[in-house]
Amino acid sequence: MKTGAANPLLVIIVGMALAGTVACIALGLSFLRSYLLGINLATFLAYGIDKRQAIVGSVRTPELVLHALALAGGTPGAFLGQVVFRHKTQKRSFRTVFIAIALLQALVLTAWWHASRG
């Protein structure tokens, strides 16, 4: 497995997702919805890119980057990417961190929801 500097294709995809977020805001979507659409699209595509790089034996996206994208709000995109691309589903250490991120986000959302009701 090769890891190294940022994959140029990944940088382009994240840039496009950021541009899409800005476009959604310009079209009237709320910042939060626009951001979540953008980060989840970027995360999903990052999993696809990393899977392709794994197949061809090229430079891989570091796991830290995939986890950071999920932590930044891209957990649904990460989960979808894992299922669609059948990627990062067998590596126990990766799955453990991913599940911890998802649980942390679920707890934060639950606390926020309860606080906003009362």
PDB file of N, CA and C in Angstrom:
ATOM      1  N   MET A   1       0.848  -1.178   0.000  1.00  0.00           N
ATOM      2  CA  MET A   1       0.000   0.000   0.000  1.00  0.00           C
ATOM      3  C   MET A   1       0.888   1.233   0.000  1.00  0.00           C
ATOM      4  N   LYS A   2       0.647   2.079  -0.941  1.00  0.00           N
ATOM      5  CA  LYS A   2       1.401   3.319  -1.033  1.00  0.00           C
ATOM      6  C   LYS A   2       0.572   4.451  -0.437  1.00  0.00           C
ATOM      7  N   THR A   3       1.194   5.250   0.398  1.00  0.00           N
ATOM      8  CA  THR A   3       0.555   6.464   0.882  1.00  0.00           C
ATOM      9  C   THR A   3       1.538   7.588   0.657  1.00  0.00           C
ATOM     10  N   GLY A   4       1.027   8.774   0.553  1.00  0.00           N
ATOM     11  CA  GLY A   4       1.937   9.880   0.307  1.00  0.00           C
ATOM     12  C   GLY A   4       1.205  11.193   0.326  1.00  0.00           C
ATOM     13  N   ALA A   5       1.656  12.082  -0.518  1.00  0.00           N
ATOM     14  CA  ALA A   5       1.052  13.406  -0.611  1.00  0.00           C
ATOM     15  C   ALA A   5      -0.395  13.278  -1.085  1.00  0.00           C
ATOM     16  N   ALA A   6      -1.109  14.362  -0.953  1.00  0.00           N
ATOM     17  CA  ALA A   6      -2.519  14.368  -1.343  1.00  0.00           C
ATOM     18  C   ALA A   6      -2.671  13.968  -2.806  1.00  0.00           C
ATOM     19  N   ASN A   7      -3.615  13.102  -3.066  1.00  0.00           N
ATOM     20  CA  ASN A   7      -3.932  12.677  -4.419  1.00  0.00           C
ATOM     21  C   ASN A   7      -4.534  13.870  -5.160  1.00  0.00           C
ATOM     22  N   PRO A   8      -3.978  14.260  -6.308  1.00  0.00           N
ATOM     23  CA  PRO A   8      -4.503  15.424  -7.030  1.00  0.00           C
ATOM     24  C   PRO A   8      -5.983  15.285  -7.385  1.00  0.00           C
ATOM     25  N   LEU A   9      -6.416  14.072  -7.722  1.00  0.00           N
ATOM     26  CA  LEU A   9      -7.830  13.861  -8.046  1.00  0.00           C
ATOM     27  C   LEU A   9      -8.701  14.102  -6.824  1.00  0.00           C
ATOM     28  N   LEU A  10      -8.237  13.678  -5.652  1.00  0.00           N
ATOM     29  CA  LEU A  10      -8.982  13.909  -4.420  1.00  0.00           C
ATOM     30  C   LEU A  10      -9.089  15.401  -4.129  1.00  0.00           C
ATOM     31  N   VAL A  11      -8.003  16.124  -4.347  1.00  0.00           N
ATOM     32  CA  VAL A  11      -8.019  17.578  -4.131  1.00  0.00           C
ATOM     33  C   VAL A  11      -9.032  18.234  -5.069  1.00  0.00           C
ATOM     34  N   ILE A  12      -9.084  17.786  -6.325  1.00  0.00           N
ATOM     35  CA  ILE A  12     -10.047  18.330  -7.290  1.00  0.00           C
ATOM     36  C   ILE A  12     -11.476  18.014  -6.862  1.00  0.00           C
ATOM     37  N   ILE A  13     -11.723  16.777  -6.419  1.00  0.00           N
ATOM     38  CA  ILE A  13     -13.069  16.375  -5.996  1.00  0.00           C
ATOM     39  C   ILE A  13     -13.521  17.194  -4.791  1.00  0.00           C
ATOM     40  N   VAL A  14     -12.655  17.355  -3.813  1.00  0.00           N
ATOM     41  CA  VAL A  14     -13.020  18.149  -2.628  1.00  0.00           C
ATOM     42  C   VAL A  14     -13.272  19.599  -3.037  1.00  0.00           C
ATOM     43  N   GLY A  15     -12.457  20.122  -3.949  1.00  0.00           N
ATOM     44  CA  GLY A  15     -12.683  21.480  -4.457  1.00  0.00           C
ATOM     45  C   GLY A  15     -14.021  21.612  -5.159  1.00  0.00           C
ATOM     46  N   MET A  16     -14.371  20.602  -5.947  1.00  0.00           N
ATOM     47  CA  MET A  16     -15.667  20.630  -6.636  1.00  0.00           C
ATOM     48  C   MET A  16     -16.822  20.560  -5.636  1.00  0.00           C
ATOM     49  N   ALA A  17     -16.657  19.757  -4.590  1.00  0.00           N
ATOM     50  CA  ALA A  17     -17.695  19.664  -3.562  1.00  0.00           C
ATOM     51  C   ALA A  17     -17.847  21.000  -2.843  1.00  0.00           C
ATOM     52  N   LEU A  18     -16.730  21.674  -2.595  1.00  0.00           N
ATOM     53  CA  LEU A  18     -16.776  22.997  -1.976  1.00  0.00           C
ATOM     54  C   LEU A  18     -17.486  23.987  -2.894  1.00  0.00           C
ATOM     55  N   ALA A  19     -17.164  23.938  -4.186  1.00  0.00           N
ATOM     56  CA  ALA A  19     -17.835  24.818  -5.151  1.00  0.00           C
ATOM     57  C   ALA A  19     -19.325  24.514  -5.208  1.00  0.00           C
ATOM     58  N   GLY A  20     -19.680  23.239  -5.129  1.00  0.00           N
ATOM     59  CA  GLY A  20     -21.094  22.862  -5.106  1.00  0.00           C
ATOM     60  C   GLY A  20     -21.804  23.384  -3.874  1.00  0.00           C
ATOM     61  N   THR A  21     -21.103  23.378  -2.755  1.00  0.00           N
ATOM     62  CA  THR A  21     -21.667  23.916  -1.515  1.00  0.00           C
ATOM     63  C   THR A  21     -21.965  25.398  -1.669  1.00  0.00           C
ATOM     64  N   VAL A  22     -21.008  26.121  -2.218  1.00  0.00           N
ATOM     65  CA  VAL A  22     -21.197  27.562  -2.441  1.00  0.00           C
ATOM     66  C   VAL A  22     -22.361  27.793  -3.409  1.00  0.00           C
ATOM     67  N   ALA A  23     -22.454  26.971  -4.450  1.00  0.00           N
ATOM     68  CA  ALA A  23     -23.552  27.113  -5.419  1.00  0.00           C
ATOM     69  C   ALA A  23     -24.902  26.846  -4.752  1.00  0.00           C
ATOM     70  N   CYS A  24     -24.969  25.839  -3.893  1.00  0.00           N
ATOM     71  CA  CYS A  24     -26.227  25.548  -3.188  1.00  0.00           C
ATOM     72  C   CYS A  24     -26.643  26.718  -2.304  1.00  0.00           C
ATOM     73  N   ILE A  25     -25.677  27.328  -1.644  1.00  0.00           N
ATOM     74  CA  ILE A  25     -25.973  28.499  -0.815  1.00  0.00           C
ATOM     75  C   ILE A  25     -26.504  29.623  -1.696  1.00  0.00           C
ATOM     76  N   ALA A  26     -25.851  29.827  -2.846  1.00  0.00           N
ATOM     77  CA  ALA A  26     -26.287  30.882  -3.770  1.00  0.00           C
ATOM     78  C   ALA A  26     -27.693  30.616  -4.284  1.00  0.00           C
ATOM     79  N   LEU A  27     -28.080  29.347  -4.372  1.00  0.00           N
ATOM     80  CA  LEU A  27     -29.419  28.995  -4.845  1.00  0.00           C
ATOM     81  C   LEU A  27     -30.472  29.026  -3.739  1.00  0.00           C
ATOM     82  N   GLY A  28     -30.033  29.346  -2.529  1.00  0.00           N
ATOM     83  CA  GLY A  28     -30.994  29.539  -1.456  1.00  0.00           C
ATOM     84  C   GLY A  28     -31.055  28.439  -0.418  1.00  0.00           C
ATOM     85  N   LEU A  29     -30.265  27.380  -0.567  1.00  0.00           N
ATOM     86  CA  LEU A  29     -30.243  26.352   0.470  1.00  0.00           C
ATOM     87  C   LEU A  29     -29.526  26.921   1.690  1.00  0.00           C
ATOM     88  N   SER A  30     -29.896  26.447   2.848  1.00  0.00           N
ATOM     89  CA  SER A  30     -29.235  26.913   4.066  1.00  0.00           C
ATOM     90  C   SER A  30     -27.766  26.477   4.048  1.00  0.00           C
ATOM     91  N   PHE A  31     -26.961  27.186   4.817  1.00  0.00           N
ATOM     92  CA  PHE A  31     -25.542  26.843   4.886  1.00  0.00           C
ATOM     93  C   PHE A  31     -25.360  25.408   5.352  1.00  0.00           C
ATOM     94  N   LEU A  32     -26.087  25.000   6.390  1.00  0.00           N
ATOM     95  CA  LEU A  32     -25.916  23.664   6.952  1.00  0.00           C
ATOM     96  C   LEU A  32     -26.249  22.589   5.916  1.00  0.00           C
ATOM     97  N   ARG A  33     -27.366  22.725   5.244  1.00  0.00           N
ATOM     98  CA  ARG A  33     -27.743  21.728   4.219  1.00  0.00           C
ATOM     99  C   ARG A  33     -26.734  21.718   3.082  1.00  0.00           C
ATOM    100  N   SER A  34     -26.309  22.885   2.653  1.00  0.00           N
ATOM    101  CA  SER A  34     -25.323  22.973   1.572  1.00  0.00           C
ATOM    102  C   SER A  34     -24.011  22.320   1.987  1.00  0.00           C
ATOM    103  N   TYR A  35     -23.570  22.616   3.202  1.00  0.00           N
ATOM    104  CA  TYR A  35     -22.326  22.046   3.703  1.00  0.00           C
ATOM    105  C   TYR A  35     -22.419  20.520   3.774  1.00  0.00           C
ATOM    106  N   LEU A  36     -23.520  20.028   4.328  1.00  0.00           N
ATOM    107  CA  LEU A  36     -23.668  18.583   4.470  1.00  0.00           C
ATOM    108  C   LEU A  36     -23.722  17.879   3.118  1.00  0.00           C
ATOM    109  N   LEU A  37     -24.383  18.483   2.147  1.00  0.00           N
ATOM    110  CA  LEU A  37     -24.385  17.915   0.797  1.00  0.00           C
ATOM    111  C   LEU A  37     -22.959  17.857   0.243  1.00  0.00           C
ATOM    112  N   GLY A  38     -22.238  18.952   0.375  1.00  0.00           N
ATOM    113  CA  GLY A  38     -20.879  19.024  -0.150  1.00  0.00           C
ATOM    114  C   GLY A  38     -19.921  18.065   0.522  1.00  0.00           C
ATOM    115  N   ILE A  39     -19.929  18.010   1.855  1.00  0.00           N
ATOM    116  CA  ILE A  39     -18.981  17.155   2.576  1.00  0.00           C
ATOM    117  C   ILE A  39     -19.293  15.680   2.340  1.00  0.00           C
ATOM    118  N   ASN A  40     -20.584  15.350   2.232  1.00  0.00           N
ATOM    119  CA  ASN A  40     -20.935  13.955   1.990  1.00  0.00           C
ATOM    120  C   ASN A  40     -20.609  13.530   0.569  1.00  0.00           C
ATOM    121  N   LEU A  41     -20.784  14.411  -0.387  1.00  0.00           N
ATOM    122  CA  LEU A  41     -20.387  14.106  -1.758  1.00  0.00           C
ATOM    123  C   LEU A  41     -18.872  13.912  -1.834  1.00  0.00           C
ATOM    124  N   ALA A  42     -18.131  14.816  -1.209  1.00  0.00           N
ATOM    125  CA  ALA A  42     -16.667  14.715  -1.213  1.00  0.00           C
ATOM    126  C   ALA A  42     -16.214  13.419  -0.539  1.00  0.00           C
ATOM    127  N   THR A  43     -16.840  13.061   0.563  1.00  0.00           N
ATOM    128  CA  THR A  43     -16.456  11.854   1.296  1.00  0.00           C
ATOM    129  C   THR A  43     -16.757  10.601   0.476  1.00  0.00           C
ATOM    130  N   PHE A  44     -17.934  10.545  -0.104  1.00  0.00           N
ATOM    131  CA  PHE A  44     -18.306   9.411  -0.951  1.00  0.00           C
ATOM    132  C   PHE A  44     -17.303   9.242  -2.090  1.00  0.00           C
ATOM    133  N   LEU A  45     -16.994  10.336  -2.765  1.00  0.00           N
ATOM    134  CA  LEU A  45     -16.054  10.280  -3.882  1.00  0.00           C
ATOM    135  C   LEU A  45     -14.641   9.918  -3.420  1.00  0.00           C
ATOM    136  N   ALA A  46     -14.264  10.363  -2.235  1.00  0.00           N
ATOM    137  CA  ALA A  46     -12.941  10.016  -1.700  1.00  0.00           C
ATOM    138  C   ALA A  46     -12.819   8.506  -1.505  1.00  0.00           C
ATOM    139  N   TYR A  47     -13.880   7.867  -1.045  1.00  0.00           N
ATOM    140  CA  TYR A  47     -13.859   6.411  -0.898  1.00  0.00           C
ATOM    141  C   TYR A  47     -13.739   5.737  -2.259  1.00  0.00           C
ATOM    142  N   GLY A  48     -14.447   6.250  -3.248  1.00  0.00           N
ATOM    143  CA  GLY A  48     -14.350   5.690  -4.592  1.00  0.00           C
ATOM    144  C   GLY A  48     -12.961   5.838  -5.178  1.00  0.00           C
ATOM    145  N   ILE A  49     -12.368   7.006  -4.983  1.00  0.00           N
ATOM    146  CA  ILE A  49     -11.015   7.255  -5.473  1.00  0.00           C
ATOM    147  C   ILE A  49     -10.027   6.315  -4.779  1.00  0.00           C
ATOM    148  N   ASP A  50     -10.143   6.196  -3.452  1.00  0.00           N
ATOM    149  CA  ASP A  50      -9.210   5.346  -2.724  1.00  0.00           C
ATOM    150  C   ASP A  50      -9.364   3.884  -3.136  1.00  0.00           C
ATOM    151  N   LYS A  51     -10.577   3.443  -3.376  1.00  0.00           N
ATOM    152  CA  LYS A  51     -10.789   2.062  -3.827  1.00  0.00           C
ATOM    153  C   LYS A  51     -10.112   1.849  -5.173  1.00  0.00           C
ATOM    154  N   ARG A  52     -10.289   2.792  -6.082  1.00  0.00           N
ATOM    155  CA  ARG A  52      -9.661   2.681  -7.405  1.00  0.00           C
ATOM    156  C   ARG A  52      -8.138   2.656  -7.270  1.00  0.00           C
ATOM    157  N   GLN A  53      -7.612   3.518  -6.411  1.00  0.00           N
ATOM    158  CA  GLN A  53      -6.162   3.560  -6.212  1.00  0.00           C
ATOM    159  C   GLN A  53      -5.656   2.237  -5.621  1.00  0.00           C
ATOM    160  N   ALA A  54      -6.450   1.620  -4.764  1.00  0.00           N
ATOM    161  CA  ALA A  54      -6.069   0.328  -4.185  1.00  0.00           C
ATOM    162  C   ALA A  54      -6.018  -0.745  -5.269  1.00  0.00           C
ATOM    163  N   ILE A  55      -6.966  -0.700  -6.179  1.00  0.00           N
ATOM    164  CA  ILE A  55      -7.018  -1.695  -7.251  1.00  0.00           C
ATOM    165  C   ILE A  55      -5.817  -1.572  -8.179  1.00  0.00           C
ATOM    166  N   VAL A  56      -5.455  -0.348  -8.549  1.00  0.00           N
ATOM    167  CA  VAL A  56      -4.361  -0.162  -9.507  1.00  0.00           C
ATOM    168  C   VAL A  56      -2.991  -0.075  -8.829  1.00  0.00           C
ATOM    169  N   GLY A  57      -2.953  -0.094  -7.499  1.00  0.00           N
ATOM    170  CA  GLY A  57      -1.686  -0.065  -6.779  1.00  0.00           C
ATOM    171  C   GLY A  57      -1.023   1.296  -6.765  1.00  0.00           C
ATOM    172  N   SER A  58      -1.820   2.341  -6.805  1.00  0.00           N
ATOM    173  CA  SER A  58      -1.293   3.700  -6.834  1.00  0.00           C
ATOM    174  C   SER A  58      -1.308   4.299  -5.425  1.00  0.00           C
ATOM    175  N   VAL A  59      -0.915   5.554  -5.342  1.00  0.00           N
ATOM    176  CA  VAL A  59      -0.867   6.255  -4.057  1.00  0.00           C
ATOM    177  C   VAL A  59      -2.270   6.324  -3.458  1.00  0.00           C
ATOM    178  N   ARG A  60      -2.376   5.928  -2.207  1.00  0.00           N
ATOM    179  CA  ARG A  60      -3.662   5.832  -1.513  1.00  0.00           C
ATOM    180  C   ARG A  60      -3.967   7.087  -0.707  1.00  0.00           C
ATOM    181  N   THR A  61      -5.244   7.280  -0.445  1.00  0.00           N
ATOM    182  CA  THR A  61      -5.691   8.334   0.457  1.00  0.00           C
ATOM    183  C   THR A  61      -5.440   7.841   1.882  1.00  0.00           C
ATOM    184  N   PRO A  62      -4.728   8.589   2.702  1.00  0.00           N
ATOM    185  CA  PRO A  62      -4.486   8.143   4.079  1.00  0.00           C
ATOM    186  C   PRO A  62      -5.797   7.932   4.841  1.00  0.00           C
ATOM    187  N   GLU A  63      -5.807   6.909   5.685  1.00  0.00           N
ATOM    188  CA  GLU A  63      -7.006   6.633   6.477  1.00  0.00           C
ATOM    189  C   GLU A  63      -7.394   7.831   7.330  1.00  0.00           C
ATOM    190  N   LEU A  64      -6.412   8.568   7.801  1.00  0.00           N
ATOM    191  CA  LEU A  64      -6.685   9.762   8.602  1.00  0.00           C
ATOM    192  C   LEU A  64      -7.555  10.755   7.824  1.00  0.00           C
ATOM    193  N   VAL A  65      -7.315  10.882   6.530  1.00  0.00           N
ATOM    194  CA  VAL A  65      -8.111  11.787   5.695  1.00  0.00           C
ATOM    195  C   VAL A  65      -9.548  11.277   5.589  1.00  0.00           C
ATOM    196  N   LEU A  66      -9.714   9.972   5.372  1.00  0.00           N
ATOM    197  CA  LEU A  66     -11.065   9.412   5.281  1.00  0.00           C
ATOM    198  C   LEU A  66     -11.821   9.605   6.598  1.00  0.00           C
ATOM    199  N   HIS A  67     -11.132   9.390   7.716  1.00  0.00           N
ATOM    200  CA  HIS A  67     -11.766   9.601   9.022  1.00  0.00           C
ATOM    201  C   HIS A  67     -12.081  11.078   9.257  1.00  0.00           C
ATOM    202  N   ALA A  68     -11.186  11.964   8.845  1.00  0.00           N
ATOM    203  CA  ALA A  68     -11.415  13.401   9.029  1.00  0.00           C
ATOM    204  C   ALA A  68     -12.632  13.853   8.231  1.00  0.00           C
ATOM    205  N   LEU A  69     -12.800  13.334   7.015  1.00  0.00           N
ATOM    206  CA  LEU A  69     -13.981  13.674   6.211  1.00  0.00           C
ATOM    207  C   LEU A  69     -15.256  13.213   6.914  1.00  0.00           C
ATOM    208  N   ALA A  70     -15.232  12.016   7.468  1.00  0.00           N
ATOM    209  CA  ALA A  70     -16.401  11.522   8.203  1.00  0.00           C
ATOM    210  C   ALA A  70     -16.664  12.395   9.433  1.00  0.00           C
ATOM    211  N   LEU A  71     -15.614  12.693  10.177  1.00  0.00           N
ATOM    212  CA  LEU A  71     -15.753  13.508  11.378  1.00  0.00           C
ATOM    213  C   LEU A  71     -16.277  14.908  11.056  1.00  0.00           C
ATOM    214  N   ALA A  72     -15.930  15.414   9.887  1.00  0.00           N
ATOM    215  CA  ALA A  72     -16.375  16.753   9.469  1.00  0.00           C
ATOM    216  C   ALA A  72     -17.834  16.774   9.029  1.00  0.00           C
ATOM    217  N   GLY A  73     -18.512  15.648   9.120  1.00  0.00           N
ATOM    218  CA  GLY A  73     -19.929  15.598   8.765  1.00  0.00           C
ATOM    219  C   GLY A  73     -20.242  14.663   7.615  1.00  0.00           C
ATOM    220  N   GLY A  74     -19.228  13.981   7.099  1.00  0.00           N
ATOM    221  CA  GLY A  74     -19.428  13.114   5.948  1.00  0.00           C
ATOM    222  C   GLY A  74     -19.674  11.657   6.280  1.00  0.00           C
ATOM    223  N   THR A  75     -20.149  11.375   7.474  1.00  0.00           N
ATOM    224  CA  THR A  75     -20.384   9.986   7.870  1.00  0.00           C
ATOM    225  C   THR A  75     -21.367   9.274   6.944  1.00  0.00           C
ATOM    226  N   PRO A  76     -22.503   9.882   6.575  1.00  0.00           N
ATOM    227  CA  PRO A  76     -23.397   9.172   5.632  1.00  0.00           C
ATOM    228  C   PRO A  76     -22.705   8.886   4.293  1.00  0.00           C
ATOM    229  N   GLY A  77     -21.937   9.825   3.783  1.00  0.00           N
ATOM    230  CA  GLY A  77     -21.213   9.614   2.539  1.00  0.00           C
ATOM    231  C   GLY A  77     -20.158   8.528   2.681  1.00  0.00           C
ATOM    232  N   ALA A  78     -19.512   8.470   3.846  1.00  0.00           N
ATOM    233  CA  ALA A  78     -18.507   7.433   4.115  1.00  0.00           C
ATOM    234  C   ALA A  78     -19.172   6.063   4.153  1.00  0.00           C
ATOM    235  N   PHE A  79     -20.287   5.977   4.837  1.00  0.00           N
ATOM    236  CA  PHE A  79     -20.993   4.694   4.924  1.00  0.00           C
ATOM    237  C   PHE A  79     -21.439   4.235   3.539  1.00  0.00           C
ATOM    238  N   LEU A  80     -22.019   5.152   2.773  1.00  0.00           N
ATOM    239  CA  LEU A  80     -22.458   4.821   1.423  1.00  0.00           C
ATOM    240  C   LEU A  80     -21.272   4.407   0.555  1.00  0.00           C
ATOM    241  N   GLY A  81     -20.155   5.117   0.681  1.00  0.00           N
ATOM    242  CA  GLY A  81     -18.958   4.770  -0.072  1.00  0.00           C
ATOM    243  C   GLY A  81     -18.432   3.386   0.288  1.00  0.00           C
ATOM    244  N   GLN A  82     -18.500   3.041   1.566  1.00  0.00           N
ATOM    245  CA  GLN A  82     -18.052   1.716   1.993  1.00  0.00           C
ATOM    246  C   GLN A  82     -18.921   0.627   1.383  1.00  0.00           C
ATOM    247  N   VAL A  83     -20.224   0.875   1.335  1.00  0.00           N
ATOM    248  CA  VAL A  83     -21.149  -0.120   0.799  1.00  0.00           C
ATOM    249  C   VAL A  83     -21.047  -0.205  -0.728  1.00  0.00           C
ATOM    250  N   VAL A  84     -21.141   0.927  -1.403  1.00  0.00           N
ATOM    251  CA  VAL A  84     -21.146   0.941  -2.867  1.00  0.00           C
ATOM    252  C   VAL A  84     -19.833   0.427  -3.448  1.00  0.00           C
ATOM    253  N   PHE A  85     -18.710   0.876  -2.889  1.00  0.00           N
ATOM    254  CA  PHE A  85     -17.410   0.500  -3.425  1.00  0.00           C
ATOM    255  C   PHE A  85     -16.817  -0.737  -2.747  1.00  0.00           C
ATOM    256  N   ARG A  86     -17.528  -1.273  -1.740  1.00  0.00           N
ATOM    257  CA  ARG A  86     -17.024  -2.406  -0.954  1.00  0.00           C
ATOM    258  C   ARG A  86     -15.605  -2.114  -0.486  1.00  0.00           C
ATOM    259  N   HIS A  87     -15.489  -0.993   0.181  1.00  0.00           N
ATOM    260  CA  HIS A  87     -14.170  -0.489   0.558  1.00  0.00           C
ATOM    261  C   HIS A  87     -14.100  -0.216   2.050  1.00  0.00           C
ATOM    262  N   LYS A  88     -13.021  -0.630   2.651  1.00  0.00           N
ATOM    263  CA  LYS A  88     -12.749  -0.416   4.082  1.00  0.00           C
ATOM    264  C   LYS A  88     -13.785  -1.116   4.962  1.00  0.00           C
ATOM    265  N   THR A  89     -14.305  -2.245   4.483  1.00  0.00           N
ATOM    266  CA  THR A  89     -15.322  -2.961   5.261  1.00  0.00           C
ATOM    267  C   THR A  89     -14.731  -4.120   6.065  1.00  0.00           C
ATOM    268  N   GLN A  90     -13.515  -4.521   5.751  1.00  0.00           N
ATOM    269  CA  GLN A  90     -12.907  -5.677   6.411  1.00  0.00           C
ATOM    270  C   GLN A  90     -11.844  -5.309   7.442  1.00  0.00           C
ATOM    271  N   LYS A  91     -11.272  -4.133   7.315  1.00  0.00           N
ATOM    272  CA  LYS A  91     -10.184  -3.744   8.213  1.00  0.00           C
ATOM    273  C   LYS A  91     -10.757  -3.314   9.565  1.00  0.00           C
ATOM    274  N   ARG A  92     -10.564  -4.150  10.554  1.00  0.00           N
ATOM    275  CA  ARG A  92     -11.187  -3.961  11.868  1.00  0.00           C
ATOM    276  C   ARG A  92     -10.808  -2.623  12.525  1.00  0.00           C
ATOM    277  N   SER A  93      -9.542  -2.251  12.454  1.00  0.00           N
ATOM    278  CA  SER A  93      -9.118  -1.009  13.112  1.00  0.00           C
ATOM    279  C   SER A  93      -9.786   0.207  12.460  1.00  0.00           C
ATOM    280  N   PHE A  94      -9.923   0.176  11.144  1.00  0.00           N
ATOM    281  CA  PHE A  94     -10.580   1.277  10.447  1.00  0.00           C
ATOM    282  C   PHE A  94     -12.059   1.332  10.832  1.00  0.00           C
ATOM    283  N   ARG A  95     -12.713   0.185  10.818  1.00  0.00           N
ATOM    284  CA  ARG A  95     -14.146   0.117  11.162  1.00  0.00           C
ATOM    285  C   ARG A  95     -14.389   0.579  12.594  1.00  0.00           C
ATOM    286  N   THR A  96     -13.499   0.239  13.507  1.00  0.00           N
ATOM    287  CA  THR A  96     -13.663   0.634  14.909  1.00  0.00           C
ATOM    288  C   THR A  96     -13.658   2.154  15.042  1.00  0.00           C
ATOM    289  N   VAL A  97     -12.715   2.809  14.384  1.00  0.00           N
ATOM    290  CA  VAL A  97     -12.647   4.275  14.440  1.00  0.00           C
ATOM    291  C   VAL A  97     -13.875   4.874  13.757  1.00  0.00           C
ATOM    292  N   PHE A  98     -14.262   4.321  12.614  1.00  0.00           N
ATOM    293  CA  PHE A  98     -15.432   4.840  11.896  1.00  0.00           C
ATOM    294  C   PHE A  98     -16.692   4.736  12.758  1.00  0.00           C
ATOM    295  N   ILE A  99     -16.900   3.593  13.386  1.00  0.00           N
ATOM    296  CA  ILE A  99     -18.079   3.404  14.242  1.00  0.00           C
ATOM    297  C   ILE A  99     -18.032   4.360  15.424  1.00  0.00           C
ATOM    298  N   ALA A 100     -16.860   4.577  15.997  1.00  0.00           N
ATOM    299  CA  ALA A 100     -16.720   5.531  17.104  1.00  0.00           C
ATOM    300  C   ALA A 100     -17.105   6.939  16.659  1.00  0.00           C
ATOM    301  N   ILE A 101     -16.695   7.327  15.452  1.00  0.00           N
ATOM    302  CA  ILE A 101     -17.063   8.643  14.914  1.00  0.00           C
ATOM    303  C   ILE A 101     -18.575   8.739  14.744  1.00  0.00           C
ATOM    304  N   ALA A 102     -19.179   7.704  14.171  1.00  0.00           N
ATOM    305  CA  ALA A 102     -20.627   7.706  13.945  1.00  0.00           C
ATOM    306  C   ALA A 102     -21.390   7.775  15.274  1.00  0.00           C
ATOM    307  N   LEU A 103     -20.932   7.018  16.264  1.00  0.00           N
ATOM    308  CA  LEU A 103     -21.594   7.050  17.578  1.00  0.00           C
ATOM    309  C   LEU A 103     -21.446   8.416  18.241  1.00  0.00           C
ATOM    310  N   LEU A 104     -20.264   8.993  18.159  1.00  0.00           N
ATOM    311  CA  LEU A 104     -20.041  10.326  18.712  1.00  0.00           C
ATOM    312  C   LEU A 104     -20.986  11.337  18.066  1.00  0.00           C
ATOM    313  N   GLN A 105     -21.104  11.286  16.742  1.00  0.00           N
ATOM    314  CA  GLN A 105     -22.001  12.206  16.044  1.00  0.00           C
ATOM    315  C   GLN A 105     -23.459  11.969  16.437  1.00  0.00           C
ATOM    316  N   ALA A 106     -23.844  10.714  16.599  1.00  0.00           N
ATOM    317  CA  ALA A 106     -25.216  10.405  17.016  1.00  0.00           C
ATOM    318  C   ALA A 106     -25.495  10.961  18.412  1.00  0.00           C
ATOM    319  N   LEU A 107     -24.521  10.846  19.303  1.00  0.00           N
ATOM    320  CA  LEU A 107     -24.690  11.391  20.653  1.00  0.00           C
ATOM    321  C   LEU A 107     -24.802  12.913  20.628  1.00  0.00           C
ATOM    322  N   VAL A 108     -23.961  13.557  19.839  1.00  0.00           N
ATOM    323  CA  VAL A 108     -24.005  15.024  19.736  1.00  0.00           C
ATOM    324  C   VAL A 108     -25.343  15.468  19.149  1.00  0.00           C
ATOM    325  N   LEU A 109     -25.803  14.806  18.098  1.00  0.00           N
ATOM    326  CA  LEU A 109     -27.097  15.169  17.496  1.00  0.00           C
ATOM    327  C   LEU A 109     -28.250  14.939  18.463  1.00  0.00           C
ATOM    328  N   THR A 110     -28.191  13.846  19.207  1.00  0.00           N
ATOM    329  CA  THR A 110     -29.246  13.563  20.189  1.00  0.00           C
ATOM    330  C   THR A 110     -29.254  14.628  21.284  1.00  0.00           C
ATOM    331  N   ALA A 111     -28.101  14.991  21.795  1.00  0.00           N
ATOM    332  CA  ALA A 111     -28.014  16.033  22.825  1.00  0.00           C
ATOM    333  C   ALA A 111     -28.514  17.368  22.285  1.00  0.00           C
ATOM    334  N   TRP A 112     -28.121  17.693  21.062  1.00  0.00           N
ATOM    335  CA  TRP A 112     -28.570  18.947  20.441  1.00  0.00           C
ATOM    336  C   TRP A 112     -30.091  18.947  20.278  1.00  0.00           C
ATOM    337  N   TRP A 113     -30.647  17.833  19.815  1.00  0.00           N
ATOM    338  CA  TRP A 113     -32.084  17.724  19.607  1.00  0.00           C
ATOM    339  C   TRP A 113     -32.836  17.898  20.936  1.00  0.00           C
ATOM    340  N   HIS A 114     -32.363  17.236  21.985  1.00  0.00           N
ATOM    341  CA  HIS A 114     -33.008  17.367  23.291  1.00  0.00           C
ATOM    342  C   HIS A 114     -32.878  18.788  23.840  1.00  0.00           C
ATOM    343  N   ALA A 115     -31.730  19.407  23.650  1.00  0.00           N
ATOM    344  CA  ALA A 115     -31.533  20.772  24.142  1.00  0.00           C
ATOM    345  C   ALA A 115     -32.405  21.762  23.378  1.00  0.00           C
ATOM    346  N   SER A 116     -32.614  21.528  22.101  1.00  0.00           N
ATOM    347  CA  SER A 116     -33.404  22.456  21.308  1.00  0.00           C
ATOM    348  C   SER A 116     -34.898  22.335  21.564  1.00  0.00           C
ATOM    349  N   ARG A 117     -35.333  21.249  22.174  1.00  0.00           N
ATOM    350  CA  ARG A 117     -36.751  21.039  22.467  1.00  0.00           C
ATOM    351  C   ARG A 117     -37.169  21.725  23.753  1.00  0.00           C
ATOM    352  N   GLY A 118     -36.240  21.968  24.619  1.00  0.00           N
ATOM    353  CA  GLY A 118     -36.627  22.440  25.927  1.00  0.00           C
ATOM    354  C   GLY A 118     -36.112  23.765  26.229  1.00  0.00           C
TER     355      GLY A 118
END
